[in-house]
Amino acid sequence: MRAAAAMLALVAAQAAWAVQPDEVLADAALEHRAREIGQMLRCPVCQGENIDESNAPISRDLRLYVRERLVAGDSDAQVIDAVTERFGEFVLFEPKAEGGNLILYWAGPLMALVAALAAFLFLRGRRPDAAPAPEALTTEERARLDALMRDQES
């Protein structure tokens, strides 16, 4: 039980280990902005972590670069544009919805619409009222059926 609690505490504290004390800005407002920007930028090495959570050296460099740009007076958008220009659009967790990225943004909803249409058409074809009505039995067939039913009962 204690080992599980210790592991949980280590996992929870992992994000706190990434940003080093010497990286933290004295101005709390700038530090808050740096942390918000850091949440939007992906570590180029880890790929699944943002730069604030990653311990990779490149993430440290990116965190320092972001803070450097904020101290220089850049807006959040200017900082993100500078990082994107330097490292490419891959570092953004949410790439801009323009150009070739529009295909990625619209592919999901478009495929959902196609799947919904296909499901609608499939289910519509399976409705009971869409099936042809059964033909009535002829007198011969009716007599044979009655005879079979009598034989079954006895």
N, C-alpha and C. Protein backbone atom coordinates (compact mmCIF):
# COMPACT_ATOMS: atom_id res chain seq x y z
N MET A 1 0.82 -1.19 0.00
CA MET A 1 0.00 0.00 0.00
C MET A 1 0.87 1.26 0.00
N ARG A 2 1.89 1.24 0.84
CA ARG A 2 2.80 2.41 0.91
C ARG A 2 3.55 2.58 -0.40
N ALA A 3 3.94 1.46 -1.01
CA ALA A 3 4.67 1.54 -2.27
C ALA A 3 3.79 2.15 -3.36
N ALA A 4 2.52 1.78 -3.38
CA ALA A 4 1.60 2.33 -4.37
C ALA A 4 1.41 3.83 -4.15
N ALA A 5 1.29 4.24 -2.90
CA ALA A 5 1.14 5.66 -2.59
C ALA A 5 2.40 6.43 -2.98
N ALA A 6 3.56 5.84 -2.74
CA ALA A 6 4.82 6.49 -3.11
C ALA A 6 4.94 6.63 -4.62
N MET A 7 4.54 5.59 -5.37
CA MET A 7 4.59 5.66 -6.83
C MET A 7 3.63 6.72 -7.36
N LEU A 8 2.45 6.79 -6.75
CA LEU A 8 1.47 7.80 -7.17
C LEU A 8 2.00 9.20 -6.92
N ALA A 9 2.65 9.40 -5.79
CA ALA A 9 3.22 10.70 -5.48
C ALA A 9 4.34 11.05 -6.46
N LEU A 10 5.14 10.07 -6.84
CA LEU A 10 6.22 10.32 -7.80
C LEU A 10 5.67 10.69 -9.17
N VAL A 11 4.64 9.99 -9.60
CA VAL A 11 4.03 10.29 -10.90
C VAL A 11 3.41 11.69 -10.88
N ALA A 12 2.73 12.03 -9.79
CA ALA A 12 2.09 13.35 -9.69
C ALA A 12 3.12 14.46 -9.65
N ALA A 13 4.28 14.18 -9.08
CA ALA A 13 5.30 15.22 -8.96
C ALA A 13 6.19 15.32 -10.19
N GLN A 14 6.04 14.42 -11.14
CA GLN A 14 6.91 14.40 -12.30
C GLN A 14 6.89 15.71 -13.07
N ALA A 15 5.70 16.29 -13.23
CA ALA A 15 5.60 17.55 -13.97
C ALA A 15 6.34 18.66 -13.25
N ALA A 16 6.37 18.62 -11.95
CA ALA A 16 7.06 19.65 -11.18
C ALA A 16 8.57 19.52 -11.34
N TRP A 17 9.08 18.33 -11.65
CA TRP A 17 10.51 18.15 -11.81
C TRP A 17 11.04 18.79 -13.09
N ALA A 18 10.20 18.92 -14.10
CA ALA A 18 10.68 19.38 -15.40
C ALA A 18 11.14 20.84 -15.36
N VAL A 19 10.33 21.73 -14.85
CA VAL A 19 10.72 23.14 -14.79
C VAL A 19 11.65 23.33 -13.60
N GLN A 20 12.87 23.71 -13.89
CA GLN A 20 13.90 23.86 -12.86
C GLN A 20 13.76 25.21 -12.16
N PRO A 21 14.18 25.28 -10.90
CA PRO A 21 14.05 26.55 -10.16
C PRO A 21 14.79 27.72 -10.83
N ASP A 22 15.90 27.44 -11.51
CA ASP A 22 16.63 28.53 -12.16
C ASP A 22 15.92 29.04 -13.42
N GLU A 23 14.89 28.33 -13.88
CA GLU A 23 14.14 28.76 -15.05
C GLU A 23 12.98 29.67 -14.68
N VAL A 24 12.50 29.61 -13.45
CA VAL A 24 11.31 30.34 -13.03
C VAL A 24 11.60 31.84 -13.03
N LEU A 25 10.68 32.59 -13.64
CA LEU A 25 10.82 34.05 -13.71
C LEU A 25 10.39 34.69 -12.39
N ALA A 26 10.99 35.80 -12.07
CA ALA A 26 10.65 36.51 -10.83
C ALA A 26 9.25 37.13 -10.91
N ASP A 27 8.88 37.58 -12.10
CA ASP A 27 7.56 38.18 -12.30
C ASP A 27 6.53 37.05 -12.42
N ALA A 28 5.60 37.00 -11.46
CA ALA A 28 4.62 35.91 -11.42
C ALA A 28 3.71 35.92 -12.65
N ALA A 29 3.36 37.08 -13.16
CA ALA A 29 2.49 37.17 -14.33
C ALA A 29 3.19 36.60 -15.57
N LEU A 30 4.47 36.95 -15.75
CA LEU A 30 5.23 36.42 -16.88
C LEU A 30 5.42 34.91 -16.74
N GLU A 31 5.66 34.45 -15.52
CA GLU A 31 5.83 33.01 -15.29
C GLU A 31 4.54 32.26 -15.61
N HIS A 32 3.41 32.85 -15.23
CA HIS A 32 2.12 32.23 -15.53
C HIS A 32 1.91 32.14 -17.05
N ARG A 33 2.25 33.21 -17.76
CA ARG A 33 2.13 33.18 -19.22
C ARG A 33 3.07 32.14 -19.82
N ALA A 34 4.28 32.04 -19.28
CA ALA A 34 5.25 31.06 -19.78
C ALA A 34 4.73 29.64 -19.57
N ARG A 35 4.10 29.40 -18.42
CA ARG A 35 3.54 28.06 -18.16
C ARG A 35 2.39 27.76 -19.11
N GLU A 36 1.54 28.75 -19.38
CA GLU A 36 0.43 28.53 -20.32
C GLU A 36 0.94 28.23 -21.72
N ILE A 37 1.95 28.96 -22.15
CA ILE A 37 2.54 28.72 -23.47
C ILE A 37 3.22 27.35 -23.49
N GLY A 38 3.89 27.01 -22.40
CA GLY A 38 4.56 25.71 -22.29
C GLY A 38 3.60 24.55 -22.42
N GLN A 39 2.35 24.74 -21.99
CA GLN A 39 1.34 23.69 -22.12
C GLN A 39 0.90 23.49 -23.58
N MET A 40 1.08 24.50 -24.41
CA MET A 40 0.66 24.42 -25.81
C MET A 40 1.75 23.88 -26.73
N LEU A 41 2.98 23.79 -26.22
CA LEU A 41 4.10 23.37 -27.05
C LEU A 41 4.51 21.94 -26.73
N ARG A 42 4.68 21.15 -27.77
CA ARG A 42 5.06 19.74 -27.65
C ARG A 42 6.58 19.61 -27.60
N CYS A 43 7.07 18.70 -26.78
CA CYS A 43 8.50 18.39 -26.76
C CYS A 43 8.85 17.70 -28.07
N PRO A 44 9.86 18.19 -28.80
CA PRO A 44 10.23 17.55 -30.07
C PRO A 44 10.77 16.13 -29.89
N VAL A 45 11.28 15.81 -28.70
CA VAL A 45 11.84 14.48 -28.46
C VAL A 45 10.77 13.54 -27.91
N CYS A 46 10.06 13.97 -26.88
CA CYS A 46 9.09 13.11 -26.19
C CYS A 46 7.79 12.98 -26.97
N GLN A 47 7.39 13.97 -27.66
CA GLN A 47 6.22 14.06 -28.53
C GLN A 47 4.88 13.97 -27.80
N GLY A 48 4.77 13.22 -26.74
CA GLY A 48 3.51 13.11 -26.02
C GLY A 48 3.43 14.04 -24.84
N GLU A 49 4.48 14.75 -24.56
CA GLU A 49 4.53 15.65 -23.40
C GLU A 49 4.71 17.08 -23.87
N ASN A 50 4.19 18.00 -23.06
CA ASN A 50 4.46 19.39 -23.38
C ASN A 50 5.83 19.75 -22.81
N ILE A 51 6.34 20.91 -23.15
CA ILE A 51 7.71 21.25 -22.74
C ILE A 51 7.84 21.48 -21.24
N ASP A 52 6.75 21.80 -20.57
CA ASP A 52 6.81 21.98 -19.11
C ASP A 52 6.93 20.65 -18.38
N GLU A 53 6.44 19.56 -18.97
CA GLU A 53 6.48 18.25 -18.32
C GLU A 53 7.71 17.44 -18.71
N SER A 54 8.35 17.80 -19.79
CA SER A 54 9.45 17.00 -20.33
C SER A 54 10.77 17.36 -19.67
N ASN A 55 11.58 16.33 -19.42
CA ASN A 55 12.92 16.52 -18.87
C ASN A 55 13.99 16.53 -19.96
N ALA A 56 13.59 16.46 -21.21
CA ALA A 56 14.56 16.44 -22.31
C ALA A 56 15.29 17.79 -22.38
N PRO A 57 16.57 17.75 -22.72
CA PRO A 57 17.34 19.01 -22.83
C PRO A 57 16.73 20.01 -23.81
N ILE A 58 16.18 19.51 -24.92
CA ILE A 58 15.56 20.42 -25.89
C ILE A 58 14.37 21.15 -25.29
N SER A 59 13.64 20.47 -24.40
CA SER A 59 12.50 21.12 -23.74
C SER A 59 12.99 22.22 -22.81
N ARG A 60 14.08 21.96 -22.12
CA ARG A 60 14.65 23.01 -21.26
C ARG A 60 15.03 24.22 -22.10
N ASP A 61 15.67 23.97 -23.25
CA ASP A 61 16.04 25.08 -24.15
C ASP A 61 14.80 25.83 -24.61
N LEU A 62 13.74 25.11 -24.94
CA LEU A 62 12.50 25.76 -25.38
C LEU A 62 11.88 26.58 -24.24
N ARG A 63 11.88 26.02 -23.02
CA ARG A 63 11.33 26.78 -21.88
C ARG A 63 12.10 28.07 -21.66
N LEU A 64 13.44 27.98 -21.75
CA LEU A 64 14.27 29.19 -21.58
C LEU A 64 14.02 30.18 -22.71
N TYR A 65 13.87 29.68 -23.94
CA TYR A 65 13.61 30.54 -25.08
C TYR A 65 12.27 31.27 -24.92
N VAL A 66 11.23 30.54 -24.48
CA VAL A 66 9.91 31.15 -24.27
C VAL A 66 10.02 32.25 -23.23
N ARG A 67 10.68 31.97 -22.12
CA ARG A 67 10.81 32.96 -21.05
C ARG A 67 11.64 34.17 -21.52
N GLU A 68 12.65 33.90 -22.31
CA GLU A 68 13.48 34.98 -22.86
C GLU A 68 12.65 35.91 -23.74
N ARG A 69 11.81 35.33 -24.58
CA ARG A 69 10.96 36.15 -25.46
C ARG A 69 9.93 36.94 -24.66
N LEU A 70 9.38 36.33 -23.60
CA LEU A 70 8.40 37.04 -22.77
C LEU A 70 9.04 38.21 -22.04
N VAL A 71 10.25 38.01 -21.54
CA VAL A 71 10.96 39.11 -20.86
C VAL A 71 11.27 40.22 -21.85
N ALA A 72 11.51 39.86 -23.10
CA ALA A 72 11.80 40.86 -24.14
C ALA A 72 10.56 41.66 -24.51
N GLY A 73 9.37 41.21 -24.05
CA GLY A 73 8.16 41.97 -24.31
C GLY A 73 7.25 41.41 -25.39
N ASP A 74 7.54 40.22 -25.88
CA ASP A 74 6.69 39.62 -26.91
C ASP A 74 5.34 39.22 -26.33
N SER A 75 4.33 39.24 -27.18
CA SER A 75 3.01 38.74 -26.79
C SER A 75 3.04 37.22 -26.86
N ASP A 76 2.00 36.59 -26.33
CA ASP A 76 1.93 35.12 -26.37
C ASP A 76 1.95 34.62 -27.81
N ALA A 77 1.19 35.27 -28.69
CA ALA A 77 1.14 34.87 -30.10
C ALA A 77 2.50 35.02 -30.76
N GLN A 78 3.22 36.09 -30.43
CA GLN A 78 4.54 36.30 -31.01
C GLN A 78 5.52 35.22 -30.55
N VAL A 79 5.42 34.84 -29.29
CA VAL A 79 6.30 33.79 -28.77
C VAL A 79 6.01 32.48 -29.48
N ILE A 80 4.74 32.13 -29.61
CA ILE A 80 4.37 30.88 -30.27
C ILE A 80 4.79 30.90 -31.73
N ASP A 81 4.61 32.04 -32.40
CA ASP A 81 5.05 32.16 -33.80
C ASP A 81 6.57 32.00 -33.92
N ALA A 82 7.32 32.59 -32.98
CA ALA A 82 8.78 32.49 -33.01
C ALA A 82 9.24 31.04 -32.80
N VAL A 83 8.61 30.35 -31.87
CA VAL A 83 8.97 28.95 -31.63
C VAL A 83 8.60 28.09 -32.83
N THR A 84 7.43 28.35 -33.41
CA THR A 84 6.99 27.60 -34.59
C THR A 84 7.91 27.85 -35.77
N GLU A 85 8.34 29.08 -35.94
CA GLU A 85 9.25 29.42 -37.04
C GLU A 85 10.59 28.72 -36.85
N ARG A 86 11.02 28.61 -35.62
CA ARG A 86 12.32 28.02 -35.32
C ARG A 86 12.30 26.49 -35.38
N PHE A 87 11.22 25.86 -34.89
CA PHE A 87 11.18 24.41 -34.76
C PHE A 87 10.15 23.74 -35.67
N GLY A 88 9.34 24.51 -36.34
CA GLY A 88 8.32 23.94 -37.21
C GLY A 88 7.00 23.77 -36.49
N GLU A 89 5.96 23.50 -37.28
CA GLU A 89 4.61 23.41 -36.73
C GLU A 89 4.41 22.15 -35.89
N PHE A 90 5.35 21.23 -35.95
CA PHE A 90 5.25 19.99 -35.19
C PHE A 90 5.20 20.24 -33.69
N VAL A 91 5.80 21.33 -33.22
CA VAL A 91 5.86 21.59 -31.78
C VAL A 91 4.53 22.08 -31.22
N LEU A 92 3.57 22.38 -32.08
CA LEU A 92 2.26 22.83 -31.60
C LEU A 92 1.36 21.63 -31.33
N PHE A 93 0.76 21.58 -30.14
CA PHE A 93 -0.20 20.52 -29.86
C PHE A 93 -1.46 20.71 -30.70
N GLU A 94 -1.83 21.94 -31.01
CA GLU A 94 -2.98 22.23 -31.86
C GLU A 94 -2.51 23.07 -33.04
N PRO A 95 -2.15 22.40 -34.15
CA PRO A 95 -1.70 23.14 -35.32
C PRO A 95 -2.78 24.11 -35.83
N LYS A 96 -2.33 25.13 -36.50
CA LYS A 96 -3.26 26.13 -37.03
C LYS A 96 -4.16 25.50 -38.10
N ALA A 97 -5.41 25.93 -38.12
CA ALA A 97 -6.39 25.40 -39.08
C ALA A 97 -6.31 26.21 -40.37
N GLU A 98 -5.26 25.95 -41.12
CA GLU A 98 -5.08 26.64 -42.40
C GLU A 98 -4.24 25.76 -43.32
N GLY A 99 -4.34 26.00 -44.61
CA GLY A 99 -3.55 25.25 -45.58
C GLY A 99 -3.86 23.77 -45.57
N GLY A 100 -2.79 22.97 -45.58
CA GLY A 100 -2.94 21.52 -45.61
C GLY A 100 -3.53 20.95 -44.34
N ASN A 101 -3.44 21.67 -43.25
CA ASN A 101 -4.01 21.20 -41.99
C ASN A 101 -5.53 21.14 -42.02
N LEU A 102 -6.14 21.89 -42.93
CA LEU A 102 -7.60 21.85 -43.03
C LEU A 102 -8.10 20.45 -43.36
N ILE A 103 -7.31 19.71 -44.14
CA ILE A 103 -7.69 18.34 -44.46
C ILE A 103 -7.80 17.52 -43.18
N LEU A 104 -6.82 17.70 -42.29
CA LEU A 104 -6.84 16.95 -41.02
C LEU A 104 -8.00 17.39 -40.13
N TYR A 105 -8.28 18.69 -40.12
CA TYR A 105 -9.35 19.18 -39.27
C TYR A 105 -10.73 18.72 -39.76
N TRP A 106 -10.90 18.63 -41.08
CA TRP A 106 -12.21 18.28 -41.62
C TRP A 106 -12.37 16.79 -41.90
N ALA A 107 -11.29 16.03 -41.88
CA ALA A 107 -11.38 14.60 -42.19
C ALA A 107 -12.25 13.86 -41.18
N GLY A 108 -12.07 14.13 -39.91
CA GLY A 108 -12.85 13.45 -38.87
C GLY A 108 -14.35 13.70 -38.99
N PRO A 109 -14.78 14.96 -38.98
CA PRO A 109 -16.21 15.22 -39.12
C PRO A 109 -16.79 14.71 -40.44
N LEU A 110 -16.02 14.81 -41.52
CA LEU A 110 -16.49 14.32 -42.81
C LEU A 110 -16.69 12.80 -42.79
N MET A 111 -15.75 12.09 -42.19
CA MET A 111 -15.88 10.63 -42.10
C MET A 111 -17.05 10.25 -41.19
N ALA A 112 -17.30 11.03 -40.16
CA ALA A 112 -18.44 10.75 -39.28
C ALA A 112 -19.76 10.93 -40.04
N LEU A 113 -19.83 11.97 -40.89
CA LEU A 113 -21.03 12.17 -41.70
C LEU A 113 -21.22 11.03 -42.70
N VAL A 114 -20.15 10.60 -43.32
CA VAL A 114 -20.24 9.49 -44.27
C VAL A 114 -20.70 8.22 -43.56
N ALA A 115 -20.15 7.97 -42.37
CA ALA A 115 -20.55 6.77 -41.61
C ALA A 115 -22.01 6.87 -41.19
N ALA A 116 -22.46 8.05 -40.77
CA ALA A 116 -23.86 8.22 -40.37
C ALA A 116 -24.79 8.01 -41.56
N LEU A 117 -24.41 8.52 -42.72
CA LEU A 117 -25.21 8.33 -43.93
C LEU A 117 -25.26 6.85 -44.32
N ALA A 118 -24.13 6.17 -44.26
CA ALA A 118 -24.10 4.75 -44.59
C ALA A 118 -24.96 3.95 -43.61
N ALA A 119 -24.88 4.29 -42.32
CA ALA A 119 -25.70 3.59 -41.32
C ALA A 119 -27.18 3.84 -41.57
N PHE A 120 -27.52 5.09 -41.91
CA PHE A 120 -28.93 5.42 -42.19
C PHE A 120 -29.45 4.61 -43.38
N LEU A 121 -28.67 4.58 -44.45
CA LEU A 121 -29.10 3.83 -45.64
C LEU A 121 -29.19 2.34 -45.36
N PHE A 122 -28.25 1.81 -44.60
CA PHE A 122 -28.27 0.38 -44.25
C PHE A 122 -29.50 0.06 -43.41
N LEU A 123 -29.76 0.86 -42.39
CA LEU A 123 -30.90 0.59 -41.51
C LEU A 123 -32.23 0.82 -42.22
N ARG A 124 -32.26 1.77 -43.12
CA ARG A 124 -33.49 2.04 -43.87
C ARG A 124 -33.84 0.85 -44.76
N GLY A 125 -32.84 0.21 -45.30
CA GLY A 125 -33.06 -0.96 -46.14
C GLY A 125 -33.51 -2.17 -45.35
N ARG A 126 -33.31 -2.17 -44.03
CA ARG A 126 -33.68 -3.31 -43.20
C ARG A 126 -35.02 -3.13 -42.51
N ARG A 127 -35.72 -2.03 -42.74
CA ARG A 127 -37.01 -1.81 -42.08
C ARG A 127 -37.99 -2.89 -42.48
N PRO A 128 -38.86 -3.29 -41.55
CA PRO A 128 -39.84 -4.33 -41.88
C PRO A 128 -40.79 -3.92 -42.99
N ASP A 129 -41.15 -2.63 -43.04
CA ASP A 129 -42.09 -2.21 -44.08
C ASP A 129 -41.43 -2.16 -45.45
N ALA A 130 -40.12 -2.26 -45.50
CA ALA A 130 -39.43 -2.26 -46.78
C ALA A 130 -39.40 -3.66 -47.39
N ALA A 131 -39.66 -4.70 -46.58
CA ALA A 131 -39.67 -6.07 -47.08
C ALA A 131 -40.96 -6.30 -47.86
N PRO A 132 -40.89 -7.13 -48.90
CA PRO A 132 -42.11 -7.40 -49.66
C PRO A 132 -43.12 -8.17 -48.81
N ALA A 133 -44.37 -7.91 -49.05
CA ALA A 133 -45.44 -8.59 -48.29
C ALA A 133 -45.48 -10.05 -48.70
N PRO A 134 -45.68 -10.96 -47.74
CA PRO A 134 -45.75 -12.37 -48.12
C PRO A 134 -47.00 -12.65 -48.94
N GLU A 135 -46.85 -13.57 -49.87
CA GLU A 135 -47.99 -13.92 -50.71
C GLU A 135 -48.95 -14.81 -49.92
N ALA A 136 -50.23 -14.71 -50.23
CA ALA A 136 -51.24 -15.54 -49.56
C ALA A 136 -51.10 -16.98 -50.04
N LEU A 137 -51.42 -17.92 -49.18
CA LEU A 137 -51.35 -19.34 -49.53
C LEU A 137 -52.50 -19.71 -50.47
N THR A 138 -52.18 -20.60 -51.38
CA THR A 138 -53.25 -21.12 -52.26
C THR A 138 -54.09 -22.09 -51.45
N THR A 139 -55.23 -22.50 -51.98
CA THR A 139 -56.10 -23.44 -51.26
C THR A 139 -55.40 -24.77 -51.06
N GLU A 140 -54.65 -25.23 -52.03
CA GLU A 140 -53.92 -26.48 -51.88
C GLU A 140 -52.89 -26.39 -50.75
N GLU A 141 -52.13 -25.26 -50.74
CA GLU A 141 -51.11 -25.07 -49.71
C GLU A 141 -51.75 -24.96 -48.33
N ARG A 142 -52.88 -24.30 -48.27
CA ARG A 142 -53.59 -24.15 -46.99
C ARG A 142 -54.07 -25.50 -46.47
N ALA A 143 -54.60 -26.34 -47.34
CA ALA A 143 -55.07 -27.66 -46.96
C ALA A 143 -53.90 -28.52 -46.48
N ARG A 144 -52.79 -28.47 -47.20
CA ARG A 144 -51.61 -29.25 -46.80
C ARG A 144 -51.08 -28.79 -45.46
N LEU A 145 -51.05 -27.49 -45.23
CA LEU A 145 -50.59 -26.94 -43.94
C LEU A 145 -51.50 -27.39 -42.81
N ASP A 146 -52.81 -27.34 -43.04
CA ASP A 146 -53.75 -27.79 -42.00
C ASP A 146 -53.53 -29.26 -41.68
N ALA A 147 -53.29 -30.08 -42.72
CA ALA A 147 -53.05 -31.51 -42.51
C ALA A 147 -51.77 -31.73 -41.70
N LEU A 148 -50.73 -30.98 -42.02
CA LEU A 148 -49.47 -31.10 -41.27
C LEU A 148 -49.64 -30.69 -39.82
N MET A 149 -50.42 -29.66 -39.59
CA MET A 149 -50.65 -29.19 -38.22
C MET A 149 -51.45 -30.22 -37.43
N ARG A 150 -52.43 -30.85 -38.06
CA ARG A 150 -53.21 -31.90 -37.38
C ARG A 150 -52.30 -33.07 -37.03
N ASP A 151 -51.45 -33.47 -37.97
CA ASP A 151 -50.53 -34.59 -37.73
C ASP A 151 -49.58 -34.25 -36.57
N GLN A 152 -49.18 -33.02 -36.50
CA GLN A 152 -48.25 -32.57 -35.45
C GLN A 152 -48.91 -32.64 -34.09
N GLU A 153 -50.17 -32.27 -34.01
CA GLU A 153 -50.88 -32.25 -32.74
C GLU A 153 -51.11 -33.64 -32.20
N SER A 154 -51.25 -34.63 -33.04
CA SER A 154 -51.56 -35.96 -32.54
C SER A 154 -50.34 -36.77 -32.24
